N, C-alpha and C. Protein backbone atom coordinates (compact mmCIF):
# COMPACT_ATOMS: atom_id res chain seq x y z
N UNK A 1 -13.56 14.52 -24.65
CA UNK A 1 -13.49 14.53 -23.21
C UNK A 1 -12.67 13.33 -22.73
N UNK A 2 -11.64 13.58 -21.94
CA UNK A 2 -10.83 12.51 -21.40
C UNK A 2 -11.51 11.90 -20.18
N UNK A 3 -11.40 10.60 -20.08
CA UNK A 3 -11.96 9.89 -18.93
C UNK A 3 -10.80 9.39 -18.07
N UNK A 4 -10.71 9.86 -16.85
CA UNK A 4 -9.64 9.46 -15.96
C UNK A 4 -10.13 8.36 -15.03
N UNK A 5 -9.32 7.35 -14.89
CA UNK A 5 -9.66 6.27 -13.96
C UNK A 5 -9.30 6.73 -12.56
N UNK A 6 -10.24 6.65 -11.65
CA UNK A 6 -10.04 7.11 -10.29
C UNK A 6 -9.80 5.91 -9.37
N UNK A 7 -9.10 6.17 -8.29
CA UNK A 7 -8.89 5.16 -7.27
C UNK A 7 -10.16 4.97 -6.45
N UNK A 8 -10.33 3.78 -5.82
CA UNK A 8 -11.51 3.59 -4.98
C UNK A 8 -11.56 4.57 -3.81
N UNK A 9 -10.40 5.01 -3.36
CA UNK A 9 -10.33 6.00 -2.28
C UNK A 9 -9.27 7.02 -2.64
N UNK A 10 -9.66 8.26 -2.68
CA UNK A 10 -8.70 9.33 -2.95
C UNK A 10 -8.77 10.34 -1.81
N UNK A 11 -7.64 10.54 -1.16
CA UNK A 11 -7.54 11.50 -0.07
C UNK A 11 -6.45 12.49 -0.47
N UNK A 12 -6.80 13.75 -0.51
CA UNK A 12 -5.86 14.76 -0.96
C UNK A 12 -5.27 15.51 0.23
N UNK A 13 -4.01 15.89 0.09
CA UNK A 13 -3.32 16.72 1.08
C UNK A 13 -3.25 18.15 0.57
N UNK A 14 -3.41 19.09 1.47
CA UNK A 14 -3.24 20.49 1.11
C UNK A 14 -1.77 20.85 1.33
N UNK A 15 -1.07 21.12 0.23
CA UNK A 15 0.35 21.43 0.28
C UNK A 15 0.57 22.77 -0.41
N UNK A 16 1.06 23.73 0.35
CA UNK A 16 1.33 25.07 -0.20
C UNK A 16 0.15 25.64 -0.97
N UNK A 17 -1.04 25.47 -0.40
CA UNK A 17 -2.23 26.06 -1.00
C UNK A 17 -2.84 25.28 -2.14
N UNK A 18 -2.28 24.11 -2.48
CA UNK A 18 -2.83 23.29 -3.57
C UNK A 18 -3.05 21.87 -3.06
N UNK A 19 -4.11 21.27 -3.52
CA UNK A 19 -4.41 19.89 -3.12
C UNK A 19 -3.64 18.92 -4.00
N UNK A 20 -2.98 17.95 -3.34
CA UNK A 20 -2.20 16.94 -4.06
C UNK A 20 -2.63 15.55 -3.61
N UNK A 21 -2.72 14.68 -4.60
CA UNK A 21 -3.06 13.28 -4.32
C UNK A 21 -1.76 12.54 -4.01
N UNK A 22 -1.59 12.06 -2.77
CA UNK A 22 -0.35 11.33 -2.45
C UNK A 22 -0.34 9.96 -3.11
N UNK A 23 0.85 9.38 -3.19
CA UNK A 23 0.98 8.04 -3.75
C UNK A 23 0.37 7.05 -2.76
N UNK A 24 -0.36 6.08 -3.27
CA UNK A 24 -1.02 5.09 -2.41
C UNK A 24 -2.39 5.58 -1.99
N UNK A 25 -3.08 4.72 -1.28
CA UNK A 25 -4.45 5.03 -0.90
C UNK A 25 -4.60 5.43 0.55
N UNK A 26 -3.53 5.40 1.31
CA UNK A 26 -3.66 5.78 2.71
C UNK A 26 -3.12 7.19 2.91
N UNK A 27 -3.60 7.79 3.96
CA UNK A 27 -3.20 9.16 4.28
C UNK A 27 -2.58 9.16 5.66
N UNK A 28 -1.34 9.63 5.76
CA UNK A 28 -0.69 9.76 7.05
C UNK A 28 -0.92 11.17 7.56
N UNK A 29 -1.38 11.28 8.80
CA UNK A 29 -1.65 12.58 9.41
C UNK A 29 -0.70 12.76 10.59
N UNK A 30 0.44 13.39 10.36
CA UNK A 30 1.45 13.50 11.42
C UNK A 30 0.96 14.27 12.65
N UNK A 31 0.02 15.18 12.44
CA UNK A 31 -0.50 15.96 13.57
C UNK A 31 -1.16 15.07 14.62
N UNK A 32 -1.80 14.01 14.16
CA UNK A 32 -2.51 13.12 15.07
C UNK A 32 -1.77 11.80 15.32
N UNK A 33 -0.74 11.54 14.53
CA UNK A 33 -0.03 10.28 14.66
C UNK A 33 -0.84 9.11 14.15
N UNK A 34 -1.74 9.38 13.21
CA UNK A 34 -2.62 8.35 12.67
C UNK A 34 -2.58 8.35 11.15
N UNK A 35 -2.86 7.19 10.59
CA UNK A 35 -3.07 7.07 9.16
C UNK A 35 -4.47 6.54 8.92
N UNK A 36 -5.01 6.87 7.77
CA UNK A 36 -6.35 6.40 7.39
C UNK A 36 -6.24 5.75 6.03
N UNK A 37 -6.78 4.55 5.90
CA UNK A 37 -6.70 3.87 4.62
C UNK A 37 -7.73 2.78 4.47
N UNK A 38 -7.75 2.21 3.29
CA UNK A 38 -8.71 1.18 2.92
C UNK A 38 -8.16 -0.20 3.27
N UNK A 39 -9.02 -1.05 3.81
CA UNK A 39 -8.63 -2.40 4.19
C UNK A 39 -9.71 -3.37 3.70
N UNK A 40 -9.27 -4.51 3.17
CA UNK A 40 -10.20 -5.56 2.79
C UNK A 40 -10.28 -6.53 3.96
N UNK A 41 -11.46 -6.68 4.54
CA UNK A 41 -11.65 -7.57 5.69
C UNK A 41 -11.53 -9.02 5.24
N UNK A 42 -11.02 -9.85 6.12
CA UNK A 42 -10.87 -11.27 5.82
C UNK A 42 -12.08 -12.05 6.30
N UNK A 43 -13.24 -11.53 6.00
CA UNK A 43 -14.47 -12.25 6.35
C UNK A 43 -15.02 -12.88 5.07
N UNK A 44 -16.13 -13.54 5.18
CA UNK A 44 -16.66 -14.24 4.01
C UNK A 44 -17.15 -13.29 2.92
N UNK A 45 -17.37 -12.02 3.27
CA UNK A 45 -17.86 -11.06 2.29
C UNK A 45 -16.75 -10.25 1.64
N UNK A 46 -15.51 -10.32 2.20
CA UNK A 46 -14.36 -9.56 1.70
C UNK A 46 -14.71 -8.08 1.55
N UNK A 47 -15.30 -7.53 2.62
CA UNK A 47 -15.72 -6.13 2.61
C UNK A 47 -14.53 -5.19 2.66
N UNK A 48 -14.68 -4.03 2.03
CA UNK A 48 -13.68 -2.98 2.10
C UNK A 48 -14.16 -1.93 3.09
N UNK A 49 -13.29 -1.57 4.03
CA UNK A 49 -13.65 -0.59 5.05
C UNK A 49 -12.48 0.38 5.23
N UNK A 50 -12.76 1.51 5.85
CA UNK A 50 -11.71 2.43 6.24
C UNK A 50 -11.20 2.02 7.60
N UNK A 51 -9.90 2.13 7.79
CA UNK A 51 -9.33 1.75 9.07
C UNK A 51 -8.19 2.69 9.42
N UNK A 52 -7.89 2.76 10.72
CA UNK A 52 -6.79 3.58 11.21
C UNK A 52 -5.51 2.76 11.24
N UNK A 53 -4.38 3.42 10.99
CA UNK A 53 -3.07 2.80 11.00
C UNK A 53 -2.16 3.58 11.94
N UNK A 54 -1.13 2.88 12.46
CA UNK A 54 -0.10 3.59 13.20
C UNK A 54 1.03 3.96 12.22
N UNK A 55 2.09 4.56 12.73
CA UNK A 55 3.16 5.06 11.87
C UNK A 55 3.89 3.93 11.13
N UNK A 56 3.90 2.73 11.74
CA UNK A 56 4.55 1.59 11.09
C UNK A 56 3.66 0.96 10.02
N UNK A 57 2.42 1.40 9.93
CA UNK A 57 1.49 0.82 8.96
C UNK A 57 0.66 -0.31 9.52
N UNK A 58 0.77 -0.55 10.85
CA UNK A 58 -0.04 -1.59 11.48
C UNK A 58 -1.43 -1.07 11.77
N UNK A 59 -2.43 -1.93 11.60
CA UNK A 59 -3.81 -1.55 11.84
C UNK A 59 -4.10 -1.37 13.32
N UNK A 60 -4.92 -0.39 13.63
CA UNK A 60 -5.54 -0.31 14.95
C UNK A 60 -6.78 -1.17 14.87
N UNK A 61 -6.89 -2.15 15.73
CA UNK A 61 -8.00 -3.09 15.68
C UNK A 61 -9.18 -2.59 16.51
N UNK A 62 -10.38 -2.91 16.04
CA UNK A 62 -11.58 -2.63 16.82
C UNK A 62 -11.64 -3.64 17.97
N UNK A 63 -12.53 -3.42 18.91
CA UNK A 63 -12.69 -4.36 20.03
C UNK A 63 -13.04 -5.74 19.52
N UNK A 64 -13.93 -5.82 18.53
CA UNK A 64 -14.31 -7.11 17.95
C UNK A 64 -13.11 -7.79 17.29
N UNK A 65 -12.33 -7.00 16.54
CA UNK A 65 -11.16 -7.56 15.86
C UNK A 65 -10.12 -8.03 16.87
N UNK A 66 -9.96 -7.29 17.96
CA UNK A 66 -9.02 -7.71 19.01
C UNK A 66 -9.46 -9.03 19.61
N UNK A 67 -10.77 -9.17 19.85
CA UNK A 67 -11.31 -10.43 20.38
C UNK A 67 -11.08 -11.58 19.41
N UNK A 68 -11.31 -11.32 18.12
CA UNK A 68 -11.08 -12.35 17.11
C UNK A 68 -9.61 -12.75 17.07
N UNK A 69 -8.72 -11.77 17.17
CA UNK A 69 -7.29 -12.05 17.15
C UNK A 69 -6.88 -12.88 18.37
N UNK A 70 -7.43 -12.55 19.54
CA UNK A 70 -7.13 -13.32 20.74
C UNK A 70 -7.63 -14.76 20.62
N UNK A 71 -8.82 -14.93 20.05
CA UNK A 71 -9.35 -16.29 19.83
C UNK A 71 -8.44 -17.06 18.89
N UNK A 72 -8.01 -16.41 17.82
CA UNK A 72 -7.13 -17.04 16.84
C UNK A 72 -5.82 -17.46 17.49
N UNK A 73 -5.24 -16.57 18.29
CA UNK A 73 -3.98 -16.89 18.98
C UNK A 73 -4.18 -18.06 19.95
N UNK A 74 -5.31 -18.07 20.66
CA UNK A 74 -5.59 -19.17 21.59
C UNK A 74 -5.74 -20.49 20.84
N UNK A 75 -6.40 -20.46 19.67
CA UNK A 75 -6.54 -21.67 18.86
C UNK A 75 -5.18 -22.17 18.39
N UNK A 76 -4.32 -21.24 17.99
CA UNK A 76 -2.97 -21.62 17.56
C UNK A 76 -2.20 -22.28 18.70
N UNK A 77 -2.28 -21.68 19.88
CA UNK A 77 -1.59 -22.25 21.04
C UNK A 77 -2.13 -23.64 21.37
N UNK A 78 -3.43 -23.81 21.28
CA UNK A 78 -4.05 -25.11 21.53
C UNK A 78 -3.56 -26.15 20.51
N UNK A 79 -3.50 -25.74 19.24
CA UNK A 79 -3.02 -26.65 18.20
C UNK A 79 -1.55 -27.01 18.43
N UNK A 80 -0.75 -26.03 18.84
CA UNK A 80 0.67 -26.31 19.13
C UNK A 80 0.79 -27.30 20.29
N UNK A 81 -0.02 -27.11 21.32
CA UNK A 81 0.01 -28.01 22.48
C UNK A 81 -0.40 -29.42 22.08
N UNK A 82 -1.44 -29.54 21.25
CA UNK A 82 -1.88 -30.85 20.79
C UNK A 82 -0.79 -31.53 19.96
N UNK A 83 -0.16 -30.77 19.09
CA UNK A 83 0.91 -31.31 18.25
C UNK A 83 2.08 -31.80 19.11
N UNK A 84 2.44 -31.00 20.11
CA UNK A 84 3.53 -31.39 21.01
C UNK A 84 3.17 -32.64 21.80
N UNK A 85 1.92 -32.72 22.28
CA UNK A 85 1.47 -33.91 23.02
C UNK A 85 1.54 -35.14 22.13
N UNK A 86 1.10 -35.01 20.87
CA UNK A 86 1.16 -36.14 19.94
C UNK A 86 2.61 -36.57 19.69
N UNK A 87 3.51 -35.58 19.59
CA UNK A 87 4.93 -35.87 19.37
C UNK A 87 5.50 -36.65 20.57
N UNK A 88 5.16 -36.20 21.78
CA UNK A 88 5.64 -36.86 22.99
C UNK A 88 5.05 -38.27 23.09
N UNK A 89 3.75 -38.40 22.81
CA UNK A 89 3.11 -39.73 22.86
C UNK A 89 3.76 -40.69 21.86
N UNK A 90 4.03 -40.21 20.66
CA UNK A 90 4.66 -41.04 19.63
C UNK A 90 6.06 -41.47 20.07
N UNK A 91 6.81 -40.53 20.62
CA UNK A 91 8.16 -40.85 21.09
C UNK A 91 8.11 -41.88 22.22
N UNK A 92 7.15 -41.72 23.14
CA UNK A 92 7.01 -42.66 24.26
C UNK A 92 6.67 -44.06 23.74
N UNK A 93 5.80 -44.15 22.75
CA UNK A 93 5.44 -45.45 22.18
C UNK A 93 6.64 -46.10 21.51
N UNK A 94 7.46 -45.29 20.83
CA UNK A 94 8.66 -45.83 20.19
C UNK A 94 9.64 -46.37 21.23
N UNK A 95 9.78 -45.65 22.33
CA UNK A 95 10.66 -46.11 23.41
C UNK A 95 10.13 -47.43 23.97
N UNK A 96 8.84 -47.51 24.21
CA UNK A 96 8.25 -48.74 24.75
C UNK A 96 8.44 -49.91 23.80
N UNK A 97 8.28 -49.68 22.48
CA UNK A 97 8.49 -50.74 21.49
C UNK A 97 9.95 -51.20 21.48
N UNK A 98 10.86 -50.25 21.55
CA UNK A 98 12.29 -50.59 21.57
C UNK A 98 12.65 -51.39 22.83
N UNK A 99 12.11 -50.99 23.98
CA UNK A 99 12.36 -51.72 25.22
C UNK A 99 11.80 -53.14 25.14
N UNK A 100 10.61 -53.27 24.58
CA UNK A 100 10.01 -54.60 24.43
C UNK A 100 10.87 -55.46 23.50
N UNK A 101 11.37 -54.86 22.43
CA UNK A 101 12.24 -55.59 21.49
C UNK A 101 13.52 -56.04 22.19
N UNK A 102 14.12 -55.15 22.98
CA UNK A 102 15.33 -55.48 23.72
C UNK A 102 15.07 -56.63 24.71
N UNK A 103 13.94 -56.55 25.42
CA UNK A 103 13.60 -57.63 26.38
C UNK A 103 13.40 -58.95 25.65
N UNK A 104 12.78 -58.89 24.45
CA UNK A 104 12.56 -60.14 23.70
C UNK A 104 13.87 -60.74 23.22
N UNK A 105 14.90 -59.90 23.10
CA UNK A 105 16.23 -60.38 22.71
C UNK A 105 17.06 -60.76 23.92
N UNK A 106 16.48 -60.64 25.13
CA UNK A 106 17.16 -61.02 26.34
C UNK A 106 18.07 -59.94 26.89
N UNK A 107 17.90 -58.71 26.40
CA UNK A 107 18.73 -57.61 26.89
C UNK A 107 17.96 -56.87 27.97
N UNK A 108 18.60 -56.78 29.16
CA UNK A 108 17.97 -56.11 30.29
C UNK A 108 18.08 -54.59 30.10
N UNK A 109 17.09 -53.84 30.55
CA UNK A 109 17.05 -52.39 30.33
C UNK A 109 17.78 -51.57 31.38
N UNK A 110 18.67 -52.18 32.15
CA UNK A 110 19.38 -51.46 33.22
C UNK A 110 20.08 -50.32 32.67
């Protein structure tokens, strides 16, 4: 008896009266404009779930996932703003040090 290794998710298409296993683990359904496939969540448990895809292969996010993505984007923007503020503060301090050095050398800042 042969033992065949199976994929974690197998979705078959009915083609000309016979079921065929497409390449890959996702199934594109042109009638609905949706794909269905397996996704590993980026949480601490690394859970595998079924998720919907669009034609480009991008995930349709749940409401919770959309909220998480918005929080992540907001955190990134906050970090960018902090980095830019630090850059400006550092540049301002360098200018002040240079001006002080010039004044100590008797050079007026006109």
